[in-house]
Amino acid sequence: MSQHRSISETRRKILANNIRKFVTEDRSTKSDIAVYIGVSVRQLDRYMNGTSEPLATTLYLLAQATMVDVKRFFMTESEWKFLSGNSKGYVK
């Protein structure tokens, strides 16, 4: 059971790190992205620091807002590069 928790915990951290990375790299403000995905800036900050996880629909909107493939949020950069050949994860 604990093995599953550690895998889940690892992916949760990857998700939070990737949300932070792509929101920070985006040219839009955090406020603009929060409005687009329908949450407060405070809630977006919670997604970025890993204290809360977005719903699937919110994550989909976040992917649209940042122009990142939604699958990319769950992968490390090396995993994404290996699987896609596109190291950044942005939609081509």
PDB file of N, CA and C in Angstrom:
ATOM      1  N   MET A   1       0.821  -1.199   0.000  1.00  0.00           N
ATOM      2  CA  MET A   1       0.000   0.000   0.000  1.00  0.00           C
ATOM      3  C   MET A   1       0.860   1.256   0.000  1.00  0.00           C
ATOM      4  N   SER A   2       1.895   1.295   0.814  1.00  0.00           N
ATOM      5  CA  SER A   2       2.739   2.491   0.876  1.00  0.00           C
ATOM      6  C   SER A   2       3.469   2.733  -0.434  1.00  0.00           C
ATOM      7  N   GLN A   3       3.729   1.669  -1.173  1.00  0.00           N
ATOM      8  CA  GLN A   3       4.383   1.839  -2.468  1.00  0.00           C
ATOM      9  C   GLN A   3       3.493   2.658  -3.401  1.00  0.00           C
ATOM     10  N   HIS A   4       2.196   2.389  -3.386  1.00  0.00           N
ATOM     11  CA  HIS A   4       1.273   3.146  -4.220  1.00  0.00           C
ATOM     12  C   HIS A   4       1.203   4.603  -3.778  1.00  0.00           C
ATOM     13  N   ARG A   5       1.249   4.838  -2.501  1.00  0.00           N
ATOM     14  CA  ARG A   5       1.228   6.210  -2.002  1.00  0.00           C
ATOM     15  C   ARG A   5       2.455   6.979  -2.451  1.00  0.00           C
ATOM     16  N   SER A   6       3.630   6.350  -2.412  1.00  0.00           N
ATOM     17  CA  SER A   6       4.839   7.069  -2.811  1.00  0.00           C
ATOM     18  C   SER A   6       4.828   7.382  -4.299  1.00  0.00           C
ATOM     19  N   ILE A   7       4.275   6.479  -5.109  1.00  0.00           N
ATOM     20  CA  ILE A   7       4.163   6.757  -6.542  1.00  0.00           C
ATOM     21  C   ILE A   7       3.196   7.909  -6.751  1.00  0.00           C
ATOM     22  N   SER A   8       2.070   7.863  -6.097  1.00  0.00           N
ATOM     23  CA  SER A   8       1.079   8.926  -6.201  1.00  0.00           C
ATOM     24  C   SER A   8       1.659  10.254  -5.716  1.00  0.00           C
ATOM     25  N   GLU A   9       2.376  10.206  -4.615  1.00  0.00           N
ATOM     26  CA  GLU A   9       3.000  11.410  -4.068  1.00  0.00           C
ATOM     27  C   GLU A   9       4.020  11.987  -5.045  1.00  0.00           C
ATOM     28  N   THR A  10       4.775  11.125  -5.680  1.00  0.00           N
ATOM     29  CA  THR A  10       5.767  11.578  -6.658  1.00  0.00           C
ATOM     30  C   THR A  10       5.082  12.272  -7.826  1.00  0.00           C
ATOM     31  N   ARG A  11       4.045  11.648  -8.353  1.00  0.00           N
ATOM     32  CA  ARG A  11       3.312  12.246  -9.480  1.00  0.00           C
ATOM     33  C   ARG A  11       2.639  13.538  -9.072  1.00  0.00           C
ATOM     34  N   ARG A  12       2.143  13.615  -7.837  1.00  0.00           N
ATOM     35  CA  ARG A  12       1.524  14.853  -7.355  1.00  0.00           C
ATOM     36  C   ARG A  12       2.528  15.987  -7.345  1.00  0.00           C
ATOM     37  N   LYS A  13       3.750  15.672  -6.917  1.00  0.00           N
ATOM     38  CA  LYS A  13       4.811  16.688  -6.910  1.00  0.00           C
ATOM     39  C   LYS A  13       5.186  17.098  -8.328  1.00  0.00           C
ATOM     40  N   ILE A  14       5.236  16.118  -9.222  1.00  0.00           N
ATOM     41  CA  ILE A  14       5.538  16.428 -10.623  1.00  0.00           C
ATOM     42  C   ILE A  14       4.457  17.339 -11.192  1.00  0.00           C
ATOM     43  N   LEU A  15       3.196  17.028 -10.894  1.00  0.00           N
ATOM     44  CA  LEU A  15       2.083  17.850 -11.359  1.00  0.00           C
ATOM     45  C   LEU A  15       2.221  19.283 -10.854  1.00  0.00           C
ATOM     46  N   ALA A  16       2.451  19.446  -9.570  1.00  0.00           N
ATOM     47  CA  ALA A  16       2.590  20.790  -8.992  1.00  0.00           C
ATOM     48  C   ALA A  16       3.779  21.534  -9.602  1.00  0.00           C
ATOM     49  N   ASN A  17       4.908  20.860  -9.739  1.00  0.00           N
ATOM     50  CA  ASN A  17       6.090  21.500 -10.331  1.00  0.00           C
ATOM     51  C   ASN A  17       5.829  21.931 -11.767  1.00  0.00           C
ATOM     52  N   ASN A  18       5.128  21.089 -12.514  1.00  0.00           N
ATOM     53  CA  ASN A  18       4.852  21.431 -13.908  1.00  0.00           C
ATOM     54  C   ASN A  18       3.837  22.552 -14.029  1.00  0.00           C
ATOM     55  N   ILE A  19       2.838  22.557 -13.178  1.00  0.00           N
ATOM     56  CA  ILE A  19       1.891  23.677 -13.186  1.00  0.00           C
ATOM     57  C   ILE A  19       2.644  24.969 -12.911  1.00  0.00           C
ATOM     58  N   ARG A  20       3.478  24.962 -11.877  1.00  0.00           N
ATOM     59  CA  ARG A  20       4.271  26.144 -11.540  1.00  0.00           C
ATOM     60  C   ARG A  20       5.154  26.564 -12.721  1.00  0.00           C
ATOM     61  N   LYS A  21       5.827  25.594 -13.314  1.00  0.00           N
ATOM     62  CA  LYS A  21       6.736  25.881 -14.428  1.00  0.00           C
ATOM     63  C   LYS A  21       6.001  26.521 -15.603  1.00  0.00           C
ATOM     64  N   PHE A  22       4.907  25.904 -16.035  1.00  0.00           N
ATOM     65  CA  PHE A  22       4.238  26.394 -17.234  1.00  0.00           C
ATOM     66  C   PHE A  22       3.452  27.678 -16.996  1.00  0.00           C
ATOM     67  N   VAL A  23       2.925  27.861 -15.804  1.00  0.00           N
ATOM     68  CA  VAL A  23       2.254  29.129 -15.494  1.00  0.00           C
ATOM     69  C   VAL A  23       3.295  30.251 -15.431  1.00  0.00           C
ATOM     70  N   THR A  24       4.424  29.980 -14.820  1.00  0.00           N
ATOM     71  CA  THR A  24       5.487  30.988 -14.695  1.00  0.00           C
ATOM     72  C   THR A  24       6.070  31.351 -16.055  1.00  0.00           C
ATOM     73  N   GLU A  25       6.230  30.357 -16.924  1.00  0.00           N
ATOM     74  CA  GLU A  25       6.815  30.600 -18.246  1.00  0.00           C
ATOM     75  C   GLU A  25       5.838  31.262 -19.211  1.00  0.00           C
ATOM     76  N   ASP A  26       4.546  31.168 -18.939  1.00  0.00           N
ATOM     77  CA  ASP A  26       3.546  31.728 -19.842  1.00  0.00           C
ATOM     78  C   ASP A  26       3.622  33.249 -19.830  1.00  0.00           C
ATOM     79  N   ARG A  27       3.309  33.845 -20.942  1.00  0.00           N
ATOM     80  CA  ARG A  27       3.363  35.314 -21.044  1.00  0.00           C
ATOM     81  C   ARG A  27       2.192  35.983 -20.346  1.00  0.00           C
ATOM     82  N   SER A  28       1.141  35.225 -20.078  1.00  0.00           N
ATOM     83  CA  SER A  28      -0.021  35.775 -19.377  1.00  0.00           C
ATOM     84  C   SER A  28       0.300  35.916 -17.888  1.00  0.00           C
ATOM     85  N   THR A  29      -0.464  36.757 -17.220  1.00  0.00           N
ATOM     86  CA  THR A  29      -0.295  36.890 -15.774  1.00  0.00           C
ATOM     87  C   THR A  29      -1.003  35.731 -15.083  1.00  0.00           C
ATOM     88  N   LYS A  30      -0.627  35.490 -13.839  1.00  0.00           N
ATOM     89  CA  LYS A  30      -1.320  34.476 -13.055  1.00  0.00           C
ATOM     90  C   LYS A  30      -2.797  34.821 -12.933  1.00  0.00           C
ATOM     91  N   SER A  31      -3.079  36.088 -12.804  1.00  0.00           N
ATOM     92  CA  SER A  31      -4.465  36.532 -12.693  1.00  0.00           C
ATOM     93  C   SER A  31      -5.255  36.190 -13.958  1.00  0.00           C
ATOM     94  N   ASP A  32      -4.676  36.444 -15.119  1.00  0.00           N
ATOM     95  CA  ASP A  32      -5.344  36.126 -16.382  1.00  0.00           C
ATOM     96  C   ASP A  32      -5.580  34.618 -16.518  1.00  0.00           C
ATOM     97  N   ILE A  33      -4.585  33.836 -16.149  1.00  0.00           N
ATOM     98  CA  ILE A  33      -4.725  32.379 -16.233  1.00  0.00           C
ATOM     99  C   ILE A  33      -5.796  31.899 -15.259  1.00  0.00           C
ATOM    100  N   ALA A  34      -5.799  32.439 -14.050  1.00  0.00           N
ATOM    101  CA  ALA A  34      -6.805  32.054 -13.053  1.00  0.00           C
ATOM    102  C   ALA A  34      -8.213  32.352 -13.563  1.00  0.00           C
ATOM    103  N   VAL A  35      -8.403  33.515 -14.149  1.00  0.00           N
ATOM    104  CA  VAL A  35      -9.719  33.868 -14.698  1.00  0.00           C
ATOM    105  C   VAL A  35     -10.098  32.888 -15.803  1.00  0.00           C
ATOM    106  N   TYR A  36      -9.168  32.585 -16.680  1.00  0.00           N
ATOM    107  CA  TYR A  36      -9.432  31.682 -17.798  1.00  0.00           C
ATOM    108  C   TYR A  36      -9.865  30.287 -17.325  1.00  0.00           C
ATOM    109  N   ILE A  37      -9.219  29.796 -16.272  1.00  0.00           N
ATOM    110  CA  ILE A  37      -9.547  28.442 -15.797  1.00  0.00           C
ATOM    111  C   ILE A  37     -10.652  28.443 -14.742  1.00  0.00           C
ATOM    112  N   GLY A  38     -11.111  29.627 -14.347  1.00  0.00           N
ATOM    113  CA  GLY A  38     -12.256  29.730 -13.449  1.00  0.00           C
ATOM    114  C   GLY A  38     -11.962  29.533 -11.978  1.00  0.00           C
ATOM    115  N   VAL A  39     -10.744  29.907 -11.556  1.00  0.00           N
ATOM    116  CA  VAL A  39     -10.388  29.809 -10.134  1.00  0.00           C
ATOM    117  C   VAL A  39      -9.776  31.124  -9.683  1.00  0.00           C
ATOM    118  N   SER A  40      -9.624  31.275  -8.390  1.00  0.00           N
ATOM    119  CA  SER A  40      -8.960  32.468  -7.855  1.00  0.00           C
ATOM    120  C   SER A  40      -7.446  32.323  -8.021  1.00  0.00           C
ATOM    121  N   VAL A  41      -6.746  33.434  -7.939  1.00  0.00           N
ATOM    122  CA  VAL A  41      -5.280  33.393  -7.981  1.00  0.00           C
ATOM    123  C   VAL A  41      -4.769  32.577  -6.798  1.00  0.00           C
ATOM    124  N   ARG A  42      -5.435  32.700  -5.675  1.00  0.00           N
ATOM    125  CA  ARG A  42      -5.034  31.934  -4.490  1.00  0.00           C
ATOM    126  C   ARG A  42      -5.136  30.424  -4.747  1.00  0.00           C
ATOM    127  N   GLN A  43      -6.220  30.006  -5.421  1.00  0.00           N
ATOM    128  CA  GLN A  43      -6.371  28.586  -5.733  1.00  0.00           C
ATOM    129  C   GLN A  43      -5.310  28.148  -6.741  1.00  0.00           C
ATOM    130  N   LEU A  44      -5.017  28.975  -7.725  1.00  0.00           N
ATOM    131  CA  LEU A  44      -3.952  28.663  -8.681  1.00  0.00           C
ATOM    132  C   LEU A  44      -2.624  28.500  -7.948  1.00  0.00           C
ATOM    133  N   ASP A  45      -2.364  29.354  -6.974  1.00  0.00           N
ATOM    134  CA  ASP A  45      -1.153  29.213  -6.152  1.00  0.00           C
ATOM    135  C   ASP A  45      -1.130  27.867  -5.419  1.00  0.00           C
ATOM    136  N   ARG A  46      -2.291  27.421  -4.955  1.00  0.00           N
ATOM    137  CA  ARG A  46      -2.361  26.111  -4.286  1.00  0.00           C
ATOM    138  C   ARG A  46      -2.014  24.982  -5.252  1.00  0.00           C
ATOM    139  N   TYR A  47      -2.467  25.098  -6.489  1.00  0.00           N
ATOM    140  CA  TYR A  47      -2.093  24.098  -7.497  1.00  0.00           C
ATOM    141  C   TYR A  47      -0.590  24.129  -7.743  1.00  0.00           C
ATOM    142  N   MET A  48      -0.041  25.338  -7.773  1.00  0.00           N
ATOM    143  CA  MET A  48       1.387  25.507  -8.076  1.00  0.00           C
ATOM    144  C   MET A  48       2.285  25.008  -6.953  1.00  0.00           C
ATOM    145  N   ASN A  49       1.813  25.090  -5.707  1.00  0.00           N
ATOM    146  CA  ASN A  49       2.668  24.626  -4.606  1.00  0.00           C
ATOM    147  C   ASN A  49       2.293  23.227  -4.115  1.00  0.00           C
ATOM    148  N   GLY A  50       1.297  22.613  -4.754  1.00  0.00           N
ATOM    149  CA  GLY A  50       0.969  21.227  -4.453  1.00  0.00           C
ATOM    150  C   GLY A  50       0.072  20.997  -3.258  1.00  0.00           C
ATOM    151  N   THR A  51      -0.505  22.050  -2.690  1.00  0.00           N
ATOM    152  CA  THR A  51      -1.406  21.854  -1.552  1.00  0.00           C
ATOM    153  C   THR A  51      -2.816  21.494  -2.001  1.00  0.00           C
ATOM    154  N   SER A  52      -3.095  21.646  -3.284  1.00  0.00           N
ATOM    155  CA  SER A  52      -4.383  21.271  -3.850  1.00  0.00           C
ATOM    156  C   SER A  52      -4.147  20.783  -5.271  1.00  0.00           C
ATOM    157  N   GLU A  53      -4.993  19.890  -5.730  1.00  0.00           N
ATOM    158  CA  GLU A  53      -4.879  19.379  -7.096  1.00  0.00           C
ATOM    159  C   GLU A  53      -6.082  19.831  -7.906  1.00  0.00           C
ATOM    160  N   PRO A  54      -5.867  20.247  -9.142  1.00  0.00           N
ATOM    161  CA  PRO A  54      -6.994  20.696  -9.960  1.00  0.00           C
ATOM    162  C   PRO A  54      -7.859  19.526 -10.411  1.00  0.00           C
ATOM    163  N   LEU A  55      -9.122  19.805 -10.622  1.00  0.00           N
ATOM    164  CA  LEU A  55     -10.004  18.832 -11.251  1.00  0.00           C
ATOM    165  C   LEU A  55      -9.536  18.609 -12.681  1.00  0.00           C
ATOM    166  N   ALA A  56      -9.932  17.512 -13.283  1.00  0.00           N
ATOM    167  CA  ALA A  56      -9.529  17.211 -14.655  1.00  0.00           C
ATOM    168  C   ALA A  56      -9.953  18.319 -15.617  1.00  0.00           C
ATOM    169  N   THR A  57     -11.152  18.847 -15.436  1.00  0.00           N
ATOM    170  CA  THR A  57     -11.622  19.918 -16.330  1.00  0.00           C
ATOM    171  C   THR A  57     -10.797  21.188 -16.153  1.00  0.00           C
ATOM    172  N   THR A  58     -10.401  21.468 -14.923  1.00  0.00           N
ATOM    173  CA  THR A  58      -9.560  22.638 -14.658  1.00  0.00           C
ATOM    174  C   THR A  58      -8.180  22.442 -15.255  1.00  0.00           C
ATOM    175  N   LEU A  59      -7.643  21.247 -15.135  1.00  0.00           N
ATOM    176  CA  LEU A  59      -6.332  20.960 -15.717  1.00  0.00           C
ATOM    177  C   LEU A  59      -6.375  21.088 -17.236  1.00  0.00           C
ATOM    178  N   TYR A  60      -7.460  20.639 -17.836  1.00  0.00           N
ATOM    179  CA  TYR A  60      -7.625  20.776 -19.281  1.00  0.00           C
ATOM    180  C   TYR A  60      -7.616  22.251 -19.688  1.00  0.00           C
ATOM    181  N   LEU A  61      -8.333  23.086 -18.946  1.00  0.00           N
ATOM    182  CA  LEU A  61      -8.341  24.525 -19.230  1.00  0.00           C
ATOM    183  C   LEU A  61      -6.969  25.142 -19.010  1.00  0.00           C
ATOM    184  N   LEU A  62      -6.270  24.675 -17.982  1.00  0.00           N
ATOM    185  CA  LEU A  62      -4.917  25.163 -17.712  1.00  0.00           C
ATOM    186  C   LEU A  62      -3.978  24.807 -18.870  1.00  0.00           C
ATOM    187  N   ALA A  63      -4.145  23.617 -19.405  1.00  0.00           N
ATOM    188  CA  ALA A  63      -3.347  23.202 -20.565  1.00  0.00           C
ATOM    189  C   ALA A  63      -3.640  24.102 -21.760  1.00  0.00           C
ATOM    190  N   GLN A  64      -4.911  24.433 -21.963  1.00  0.00           N
ATOM    191  CA  GLN A  64      -5.265  25.341 -23.049  1.00  0.00           C
ATOM    192  C   GLN A  64      -4.677  26.731 -22.820  1.00  0.00           C
ATOM    193  N   ALA A  65      -4.779  27.214 -21.598  1.00  0.00           N
ATOM    194  CA  ALA A  65      -4.300  28.565 -21.284  1.00  0.00           C
ATOM    195  C   ALA A  65      -2.799  28.711 -21.478  1.00  0.00           C
ATOM    196  N   THR A  66      -2.059  27.661 -21.157  1.00  0.00           N
ATOM    197  CA  THR A  66      -0.596  27.720 -21.255  1.00  0.00           C
ATOM    198  C   THR A  66      -0.068  27.097 -22.545  1.00  0.00           C
ATOM    199  N   MET A  67      -0.988  26.555 -23.368  1.00  0.00           N
ATOM    200  CA  MET A  67      -0.633  25.914 -24.636  1.00  0.00           C
ATOM    201  C   MET A  67       0.330  24.741 -24.435  1.00  0.00           C
ATOM    202  N   VAL A  68       0.039  23.955 -23.408  1.00  0.00           N
ATOM    203  CA  VAL A  68       0.843  22.781 -23.072  1.00  0.00           C
ATOM    204  C   VAL A  68      -0.049  21.549 -23.204  1.00  0.00           C
ATOM    205  N   ASP A  69       0.493  20.473 -23.763  1.00  0.00           N
ATOM    206  CA  ASP A  69      -0.237  19.213 -23.844  1.00  0.00           C
ATOM    207  C   ASP A  69      -0.586  18.770 -22.424  1.00  0.00           C
ATOM    208  N   VAL A  70      -1.839  18.436 -22.187  1.00  0.00           N
ATOM    209  CA  VAL A  70      -2.289  18.100 -20.838  1.00  0.00           C
ATOM    210  C   VAL A  70      -1.510  16.921 -20.245  1.00  0.00           C
ATOM    211  N   LYS A  71      -1.085  15.987 -21.080  1.00  0.00           N
ATOM    212  CA  LYS A  71      -0.303  14.846 -20.577  1.00  0.00           C
ATOM    213  C   LYS A  71       1.032  15.299 -20.000  1.00  0.00           C
ATOM    214  N   ARG A  72       1.548  16.405 -20.495  1.00  0.00           N
ATOM    215  CA  ARG A  72       2.861  16.902 -20.077  1.00  0.00           C
ATOM    216  C   ARG A  72       2.890  17.258 -18.594  1.00  0.00           C
ATOM    217  N   PHE A  73       1.752  17.647 -18.049  1.00  0.00           N
ATOM    218  CA  PHE A  73       1.697  18.025 -16.640  1.00  0.00           C
ATOM    219  C   PHE A  73       2.044  16.872 -15.700  1.00  0.00           C
ATOM    220  N   PHE A  74       1.893  15.644 -16.177  1.00  0.00           N
ATOM    221  CA  PHE A  74       2.118  14.469 -15.330  1.00  0.00           C
ATOM    222  C   PHE A  74       3.471  13.809 -15.557  1.00  0.00           C
ATOM    223  N   MET A  75       4.311  14.390 -16.390  1.00  0.00           N
ATOM    224  CA  MET A  75       5.587  13.767 -16.735  1.00  0.00           C
ATOM    225  C   MET A  75       6.765  14.669 -16.401  1.00  0.00           C
ATOM    226  N   THR A  76       7.880  14.029 -16.070  1.00  0.00           N
ATOM    227  CA  THR A  76       9.114  14.787 -15.922  1.00  0.00           C
ATOM    228  C   THR A  76       9.564  15.226 -17.312  1.00  0.00           C
ATOM    229  N   GLU A  77      10.471  16.152 -17.365  1.00  0.00           N
ATOM    230  CA  GLU A  77      10.964  16.620 -18.660  1.00  0.00           C
ATOM    231  C   GLU A  77      11.612  15.484 -19.450  1.00  0.00           C
ATOM    232  N   SER A  78      12.373  14.626 -18.770  1.00  0.00           N
ATOM    233  CA  SER A  78      13.029  13.519 -19.478  1.00  0.00           C
ATOM    234  C   SER A  78      12.008  12.503 -19.982  1.00  0.00           C
ATOM    235  N   GLU A  79      10.951  12.233 -19.212  1.00  0.00           N
ATOM    236  CA  GLU A  79       9.901  11.326 -19.681  1.00  0.00           C
ATOM    237  C   GLU A  79       9.216  11.889 -20.921  1.00  0.00           C
ATOM    238  N   TRP A  80       8.897  13.182 -20.852  1.00  0.00           N
ATOM    239  CA  TRP A  80       8.215  13.813 -21.982  1.00  0.00           C
ATOM    240  C   TRP A  80       9.106  13.810 -23.222  1.00  0.00           C
ATOM    241  N   LYS A  81      10.355  14.160 -23.042  1.00  0.00           N
ATOM    242  CA  LYS A  81      11.278  14.203 -24.177  1.00  0.00           C
ATOM    243  C   LYS A  81      11.415  12.818 -24.807  1.00  0.00           C
ATOM    244  N   PHE A  82      11.519  11.799 -23.978  1.00  0.00           N
ATOM    245  CA  PHE A  82      11.641  10.434 -24.467  1.00  0.00           C
ATOM    246  C   PHE A  82      10.408  10.020 -25.268  1.00  0.00           C
ATOM    247  N   LEU A  83       9.234  10.346 -24.761  1.00  0.00           N
ATOM    248  CA  LEU A  83       8.005   9.896 -25.397  1.00  0.00           C
ATOM    249  C   LEU A  83       7.586  10.746 -26.598  1.00  0.00           C
ATOM    250  N   SER A  84       7.937  12.010 -26.585  1.00  0.00           N
ATOM    251  CA  SER A  84       7.416  12.890 -27.630  1.00  0.00           C
ATOM    252  C   SER A  84       8.463  13.492 -28.547  1.00  0.00           C
ATOM    253  N   GLY A  85       9.701  13.549 -28.096  1.00  0.00           N
ATOM    254  CA  GLY A  85      10.719  14.241 -28.878  1.00  0.00           C
ATOM    255  C   GLY A  85      10.604  15.755 -28.774  1.00  0.00           C
ATOM    256  N   ASN A  86       9.701  16.253 -27.940  1.00  0.00           N
ATOM    257  CA  ASN A  86       9.459  17.683 -27.757  1.00  0.00           C
ATOM    258  C   ASN A  86       9.736  17.993 -26.292  1.00  0.00           C
ATOM    259  N   SER A  87      10.925  18.473 -25.985  1.00  0.00           N
ATOM    260  CA  SER A  87      11.326  18.603 -24.589  1.00  0.00           C
ATOM    261  C   SER A  87      10.510  19.608 -23.778  1.00  0.00           C
ATOM    262  N   LYS A  88       9.951  20.599 -24.388  1.00  0.00           N
ATOM    263  CA  LYS A  88       9.232  21.610 -23.626  1.00  0.00           C
ATOM    264  C   LYS A  88       7.815  21.194 -23.250  1.00  0.00           C
ATOM    265  N   GLY A  89       7.147  20.478 -24.130  1.00  0.00           N
ATOM    266  CA  GLY A  89       5.789  20.058 -23.836  1.00  0.00           C
ATOM    267  C   GLY A  89       4.725  20.955 -24.414  1.00  0.00           C
ATOM    268  N   TYR A  90       5.121  21.989 -25.121  1.00  0.00           N
ATOM    269  CA  TYR A  90       4.153  22.893 -25.712  1.00  0.00           C
ATOM    270  C   TYR A  90       3.497  22.238 -26.908  1.00  0.00           C
ATOM    271  N   VAL A  91       2.259  22.583 -27.129  1.00  0.00           N
ATOM    272  CA  VAL A  91       1.512  22.045 -28.257  1.00  0.00           C
ATOM    273  C   VAL A  91       2.100  22.628 -29.533  1.00  0.00           C
ATOM    274  N   LYS A  92       2.359  21.762 -30.478  1.00  0.00           N
ATOM    275  CA  LYS A  92       2.945  22.226 -31.738  1.00  0.00           C
ATOM    276  C   LYS A  92       1.881  22.745 -32.661  1.00  0.00           C
TER     277      LYS A  92
END
